[in-house]
Amino acid sequence: MSDEREKVVRSRGLIKKIQMAIPGYRGYRKREDLRIADSLLRSYISERLESDIALLKRFSAGLSQNLLMEPLQELTSTVNYLETMMLRIRHAEQGYSGISPDARFDVKELDKLYDLDSNLITSVEAIDHLVNGLPISPNEEDMERMMETLLSIRKKVKELEDAFLKRQEFVKMYGG
């Protein structure tokens, strides 16, 4: 994935370019652009997780049809965990940088926040890889491999949560 910060800068229209030239407004514009880039990145991550959830739900239907209850229970728990993380990431605080906010994030802090969100992509890619490795038509012969894969997915969701908690701690530390 390309850096959303560069996309936001390239997409500045005439008014935003004028704002960049106004003394005192330039810093606000930079902070606002970083906040937008961070929001776009979190939306991208959420969409990827949503796609994984949809695949897991389709896999769940195959487990149900074949009466494979053990992996179905693990899968249900994992899907719920993944949905919770997807929603937490999608609706996370974004480091407000208004003209006169109670807690101001400078460009440096907003860049760090973006970098913390970028680190979430590593876990999301690992989850994607595992989800796409599940069999299309699950059967009893695949039971052991399915359980290992489901446990690995859960482990990666935990890693995603840990990375997200670092982000949240950062927001609390700098955002008041």
C-alpha atoms as a PDB file:
ATOM      1  CA  MET A   1       0.000   0.000   0.000  1.00  0.00           C
ATOM      2  CA  SER A   2       1.285   3.451  -0.867  1.00  0.00           C
ATOM      3  CA  ASP A   3       1.694   6.147   1.734  1.00  0.00           C
ATOM      4  CA  GLU A   4      -1.648   7.946   2.111  1.00  0.00           C
ATOM      5  CA  ARG A   5       0.183  11.082   3.306  1.00  0.00           C
ATOM      6  CA  GLU A   6       1.643  11.561  -0.185  1.00  0.00           C
ATOM      7  CA  LYS A   7      -1.754  11.021  -1.822  1.00  0.00           C
ATOM      8  CA  VAL A   8      -3.360  13.668   0.388  1.00  0.00           C
ATOM      9  CA  VAL A   9      -0.610  16.197  -0.393  1.00  0.00           C
ATOM     10  CA  ARG A  10      -0.899  15.500  -4.148  1.00  0.00           C
ATOM     11  CA  SER A  11      -4.668  15.925  -4.048  1.00  0.00           C
ATOM     12  CA  ARG A  12      -4.596  19.412  -2.521  1.00  0.00           C
ATOM     13  CA  GLY A  13      -6.822  21.737  -4.461  1.00  0.00           C
ATOM     14  CA  LEU A  14      -6.309  25.444  -5.050  1.00  0.00           C
ATOM     15  CA  ILE A  15      -7.829  26.507  -1.715  1.00  0.00           C
ATOM     16  CA  LYS A  16      -5.631  24.119   0.264  1.00  0.00           C
ATOM     17  CA  LYS A  17      -2.568  25.314  -1.654  1.00  0.00           C
ATOM     18  CA  ILE A  18      -3.466  28.908  -0.784  1.00  0.00           C
ATOM     19  CA  GLN A  19      -3.911  27.876   2.856  1.00  0.00           C
ATOM     20  CA  MET A  20      -0.368  26.463   2.802  1.00  0.00           C
ATOM     21  CA  ALA A  21       0.923  29.935   1.855  1.00  0.00           C
ATOM     22  CA  ILE A  22      -0.856  31.801   4.668  1.00  0.00           C
ATOM     23  CA  PRO A  23       1.375  32.332   7.726  1.00  0.00           C
ATOM     24  CA  GLY A  24      -0.093  30.608  10.784  1.00  0.00           C
ATOM     25  CA  TYR A  25      -2.389  28.471   8.666  1.00  0.00           C
ATOM     26  CA  ARG A  26       0.291  26.303   7.068  1.00  0.00           C
ATOM     27  CA  GLY A  27       0.829  24.206  10.221  1.00  0.00           C
ATOM     28  CA  TYR A  28      -2.906  23.687  10.614  1.00  0.00           C
ATOM     29  CA  ARG A  29      -3.189  22.533   6.979  1.00  0.00           C
ATOM     30  CA  LYS A  30      -0.303  20.061   7.406  1.00  0.00           C
ATOM     31  CA  ARG A  31      -1.832  18.634  10.588  1.00  0.00           C
ATOM     32  CA  GLU A  32      -5.244  18.373   8.977  1.00  0.00           C
ATOM     33  CA  ASP A  33      -3.780  16.580   5.947  1.00  0.00           C
ATOM     34  CA  LEU A  34      -1.998  14.085   8.206  1.00  0.00           C
ATOM     35  CA  ARG A  35      -5.226  13.461  10.097  1.00  0.00           C
ATOM     36  CA  ILE A  36      -7.022  12.780   6.794  1.00  0.00           C
ATOM     37  CA  ALA A  37      -4.241  10.407   5.670  1.00  0.00           C
ATOM     38  CA  ASP A  38      -4.486   8.527   8.972  1.00  0.00           C
ATOM     39  CA  SER A  39      -8.242   8.223   8.584  1.00  0.00           C
ATOM     40  CA  LEU A  40      -7.828   6.880   5.027  1.00  0.00           C
ATOM     41  CA  LEU A  41      -5.290   4.336   6.242  1.00  0.00           C
ATOM     42  CA  ARG A  42      -7.583   3.114   9.025  1.00  0.00           C
ATOM     43  CA  SER A  43     -10.449   2.838   6.525  1.00  0.00           C
ATOM     44  CA  TYR A  44      -8.243   0.749   4.253  1.00  0.00           C
ATOM     45  CA  ILE A  45      -7.285  -1.549   7.156  1.00  0.00           C
ATOM     46  CA  SER A  46     -10.932  -1.884   8.201  1.00  0.00           C
ATOM     47  CA  GLU A  47     -11.993  -2.791   4.661  1.00  0.00           C
ATOM     48  CA  ARG A  48      -9.321  -5.503   4.477  1.00  0.00           C
ATOM     49  CA  LEU A  49     -10.493  -6.938   7.805  1.00  0.00           C
ATOM     50  CA  GLU A  50     -14.106  -6.757   6.655  1.00  0.00           C
ATOM     51  CA  SER A  51     -13.155  -8.791   3.576  1.00  0.00           C
ATOM     52  CA  ASP A  52     -11.453 -11.396   5.785  1.00  0.00           C
ATOM     53  CA  ILE A  53     -14.540 -11.574   7.999  1.00  0.00           C
ATOM     54  CA  ALA A  54     -16.744 -12.195   4.945  1.00  0.00           C
ATOM     55  CA  LEU A  55     -14.459 -15.043   3.814  1.00  0.00           C
ATOM     56  CA  LEU A  56     -14.483 -16.540   7.296  1.00  0.00           C
ATOM     57  CA  LYS A  57     -18.282 -16.400   7.389  1.00  0.00           C
ATOM     58  CA  ARG A  58     -18.440 -18.249   4.062  1.00  0.00           C
ATOM     59  CA  PHE A  59     -16.013 -20.809   5.484  1.00  0.00           C
ATOM     60  CA  SER A  60     -18.313 -21.079   8.512  1.00  0.00           C
ATOM     61  CA  ALA A  61     -21.193 -22.100   6.238  1.00  0.00           C
ATOM     62  CA  GLY A  62     -19.074 -24.963   4.877  1.00  0.00           C
ATOM     63  CA  LEU A  63     -18.231 -26.106   8.391  1.00  0.00           C
ATOM     64  CA  SER A  64     -21.916 -26.063   9.321  1.00  0.00           C
ATOM     65  CA  GLN A  65     -22.930 -28.055   6.245  1.00  0.00           C
ATOM     66  CA  ASN A  66     -20.328 -30.712   7.068  1.00  0.00           C
ATOM     67  CA  LEU A  67     -21.197 -30.703  10.803  1.00  0.00           C
ATOM     68  CA  LEU A  68     -17.629 -29.842  11.815  1.00  0.00           C
ATOM     69  CA  MET A  69     -18.504 -28.348  15.199  1.00  0.00           C
ATOM     70  CA  GLU A  70     -15.054 -28.059  16.843  1.00  0.00           C
ATOM     71  CA  PRO A  71     -13.580 -25.711  14.232  1.00  0.00           C
ATOM     72  CA  LEU A  72     -16.942 -23.935  13.950  1.00  0.00           C
ATOM     73  CA  GLN A  73     -16.797 -22.921  17.619  1.00  0.00           C
ATOM     74  CA  GLU A  74     -13.230 -21.652  17.264  1.00  0.00           C
ATOM     75  CA  LEU A  75     -14.150 -19.859  14.046  1.00  0.00           C
ATOM     76  CA  THR A  76     -17.152 -18.115  15.616  1.00  0.00           C
ATOM     77  CA  SER A  77     -15.021 -16.843  18.471  1.00  0.00           C
ATOM     78  CA  THR A  78     -12.294 -15.682  16.069  1.00  0.00           C
ATOM     79  CA  VAL A  79     -14.774 -13.883  13.793  1.00  0.00           C
ATOM     80  CA  ASN A  80     -16.245 -12.031  16.783  1.00  0.00           C
ATOM     81  CA  TYR A  81     -12.748 -10.998  17.911  1.00  0.00           C
ATOM     82  CA  LEU A  82     -11.834  -9.862  14.394  1.00  0.00           C
ATOM     83  CA  GLU A  83     -15.080  -7.878  14.033  1.00  0.00           C
ATOM     84  CA  THR A  84     -14.398  -6.133  17.343  1.00  0.00           C
ATOM     85  CA  MET A  85     -10.899  -5.168  16.199  1.00  0.00           C
ATOM     86  CA  MET A  86     -12.152  -3.993  12.811  1.00  0.00           C
ATOM     87  CA  LEU A  87     -14.663  -1.664  14.478  1.00  0.00           C
ATOM     88  CA  ARG A  88     -12.140  -0.385  17.023  1.00  0.00           C
ATOM     89  CA  ILE A  89      -9.692   0.476  14.245  1.00  0.00           C
ATOM     90  CA  ARG A  90     -12.340   2.041  12.015  1.00  0.00           C
ATOM     91  CA  HIS A  91     -13.649   4.302  14.787  1.00  0.00           C
ATOM     92  CA  ALA A  92     -10.386   5.034  16.611  1.00  0.00           C
ATOM     93  CA  GLU A  93      -9.497   8.517  17.754  1.00  0.00           C
ATOM     94  CA  GLN A  94      -7.609  10.291  15.037  1.00  0.00           C
ATOM     95  CA  GLY A  95      -5.446  12.843  16.780  1.00  0.00           C
ATOM     96  CA  TYR A  96      -7.384  16.078  16.493  1.00  0.00           C
ATOM     97  CA  SER A  97      -5.412  19.069  15.274  1.00  0.00           C
ATOM     98  CA  GLY A  98      -7.911  21.902  14.958  1.00  0.00           C
ATOM     99  CA  ILE A  99      -6.994  25.570  15.095  1.00  0.00           C
ATOM    100  CA  SER A 100      -7.742  25.823  18.834  1.00  0.00           C
ATOM    101  CA  PRO A 101      -8.162  22.287  20.281  1.00  0.00           C
ATOM    102  CA  ASP A 102      -7.883  21.315  23.955  1.00  0.00           C
ATOM    103  CA  ALA A 103      -5.096  18.862  23.082  1.00  0.00           C
ATOM    104  CA  ARG A 104      -3.010  19.557  20.010  1.00  0.00           C
ATOM    105  CA  PHE A 105      -1.125  16.957  18.001  1.00  0.00           C
ATOM    106  CA  ASP A 106       1.850  18.487  16.230  1.00  0.00           C
ATOM    107  CA  VAL A 107       3.017  17.265  12.838  1.00  0.00           C
ATOM    108  CA  LYS A 108       5.593  15.022  14.523  1.00  0.00           C
ATOM    109  CA  GLU A 109       2.958  13.315  16.702  1.00  0.00           C
ATOM    110  CA  LEU A 110       0.538  12.916  13.793  1.00  0.00           C
ATOM    111  CA  ASP A 111       3.330  11.358  11.711  1.00  0.00           C
ATOM    112  CA  LYS A 112       4.034   8.921  14.565  1.00  0.00           C
ATOM    113  CA  LEU A 113       0.316   8.121  14.809  1.00  0.00           C
ATOM    114  CA  TYR A 114       0.247   7.398  11.079  1.00  0.00           C
ATOM    115  CA  ASP A 115       3.315   5.163  11.448  1.00  0.00           C
ATOM    116  CA  LEU A 116       1.642   3.253  14.297  1.00  0.00           C
ATOM    117  CA  ASP A 117      -1.397   2.690  12.093  1.00  0.00           C
ATOM    118  CA  SER A 118       0.862   1.611   9.212  1.00  0.00           C
ATOM    119  CA  ASN A 119       2.308  -1.070  11.506  1.00  0.00           C
ATOM    120  CA  LEU A 120      -1.175  -2.571  11.774  1.00  0.00           C
ATOM    121  CA  ILE A 121      -0.950  -3.515   8.099  1.00  0.00           C
ATOM    122  CA  THR A 122       1.672  -6.193   8.852  1.00  0.00           C
ATOM    123  CA  SER A 123      -0.793  -8.059  11.069  1.00  0.00           C
ATOM    124  CA  VAL A 124      -3.630  -7.542   8.583  1.00  0.00           C
ATOM    125  CA  GLU A 125      -1.542  -9.000   5.749  1.00  0.00           C
ATOM    126  CA  ALA A 126      -0.707 -12.050   7.889  1.00  0.00           C
ATOM    127  CA  ILE A 127      -4.409 -12.507   8.682  1.00  0.00           C
ATOM    128  CA  ASP A 128      -5.264 -12.194   4.958  1.00  0.00           C
ATOM    129  CA  HIS A 129      -2.718 -14.868   4.097  1.00  0.00           C
ATOM    130  CA  LEU A 130      -4.048 -17.295   6.722  1.00  0.00           C
ATOM    131  CA  VAL A 131      -7.708 -16.703   5.838  1.00  0.00           C
ATOM    132  CA  ASN A 132      -7.014 -17.263   2.147  1.00  0.00           C
ATOM    133  CA  GLY A 133      -5.245 -20.519   3.028  1.00  0.00           C
ATOM    134  CA  LEU A 134      -8.364 -22.121   4.503  1.00  0.00           C
ATOM    135  CA  PRO A 135      -9.925 -24.861   2.352  1.00  0.00           C
ATOM    136  CA  ILE A 136     -12.868 -23.874   0.171  1.00  0.00           C
ATOM    137  CA  SER A 137     -14.747 -27.061   1.053  1.00  0.00           C
ATOM    138  CA  PRO A 138     -13.789 -28.052   4.599  1.00  0.00           C
ATOM    139  CA  ASN A 139     -13.904 -31.734   5.495  1.00  0.00           C
ATOM    140  CA  GLU A 140     -12.854 -33.963   8.376  1.00  0.00           C
ATOM    141  CA  GLU A 141      -9.509 -34.856   6.782  1.00  0.00           C
ATOM    142  CA  ASP A 142      -8.545 -31.164   7.006  1.00  0.00           C
ATOM    143  CA  MET A 143      -9.625 -30.853  10.669  1.00  0.00           C
ATOM    144  CA  GLU A 144      -6.137 -30.652  12.218  1.00  0.00           C
ATOM    145  CA  ARG A 145      -4.867 -28.156   9.627  1.00  0.00           C
ATOM    146  CA  MET A 146      -8.035 -26.050   9.958  1.00  0.00           C
ATOM    147  CA  MET A 147      -7.690 -25.891  13.740  1.00  0.00           C
ATOM    148  CA  GLU A 148      -4.025 -24.886  13.447  1.00  0.00           C
ATOM    149  CA  THR A 149      -4.915 -22.193  10.922  1.00  0.00           C
ATOM    150  CA  LEU A 150      -7.782 -20.863  13.047  1.00  0.00           C
ATOM    151  CA  LEU A 151      -5.523 -20.712  16.105  1.00  0.00           C
ATOM    152  CA  SER A 152      -2.892 -18.909  14.011  1.00  0.00           C
ATOM    153  CA  ILE A 153      -5.500 -16.395  12.835  1.00  0.00           C
ATOM    154  CA  ARG A 154      -6.519 -15.777  16.429  1.00  0.00           C
ATOM    155  CA  LYS A 155      -2.859 -15.257  17.378  1.00  0.00           C
ATOM    156  CA  LYS A 156      -2.454 -12.711  14.571  1.00  0.00           C
ATOM    157  CA  VAL A 157      -5.625 -10.901  15.688  1.00  0.00           C
ATOM    158  CA  LYS A 158      -4.070 -10.696  19.165  1.00  0.00           C
ATOM    159  CA  GLU A 159      -0.913  -9.196  17.613  1.00  0.00           C
ATOM    160  CA  LEU A 160      -3.130  -6.709  15.778  1.00  0.00           C
ATOM    161  CA  GLU A 161      -4.819  -5.828  19.061  1.00  0.00           C
ATOM    162  CA  ASP A 162      -1.451  -5.356  20.796  1.00  0.00           C
ATOM    163  CA  ALA A 163      -0.266  -3.013  18.024  1.00  0.00           C
ATOM    164  CA  PHE A 164      -3.568  -1.132  18.220  1.00  0.00           C
ATOM    165  CA  LEU A 165      -3.233  -0.758  22.010  1.00  0.00           C
ATOM    166  CA  LYS A 166       0.187   0.871  21.476  1.00  0.00           C
ATOM    167  CA  ARG A 167      -1.539   3.319  19.183  1.00  0.00           C
ATOM    168  CA  GLN A 168      -4.232   4.026  21.763  1.00  0.00           C
ATOM    169  CA  GLU A 169      -1.613   4.592  24.495  1.00  0.00           C
ATOM    170  CA  PHE A 170       0.124   7.067  22.201  1.00  0.00           C
ATOM    171  CA  VAL A 171      -3.143   8.950  21.615  1.00  0.00           C
ATOM    172  CA  LYS A 172      -3.781   9.134  25.372  1.00  0.00           C
ATOM    173  CA  MET A 173      -0.228  10.275  26.062  1.00  0.00           C
ATOM    174  CA  TYR A 174      -0.243  13.087  23.483  1.00  0.00           C
ATOM    175  CA  GLY A 175      -3.942  13.795  23.167  1.00  0.00           C
ATOM    176  CA  GLY A 176      -4.710  14.397  26.782  1.00  0.00           C
END
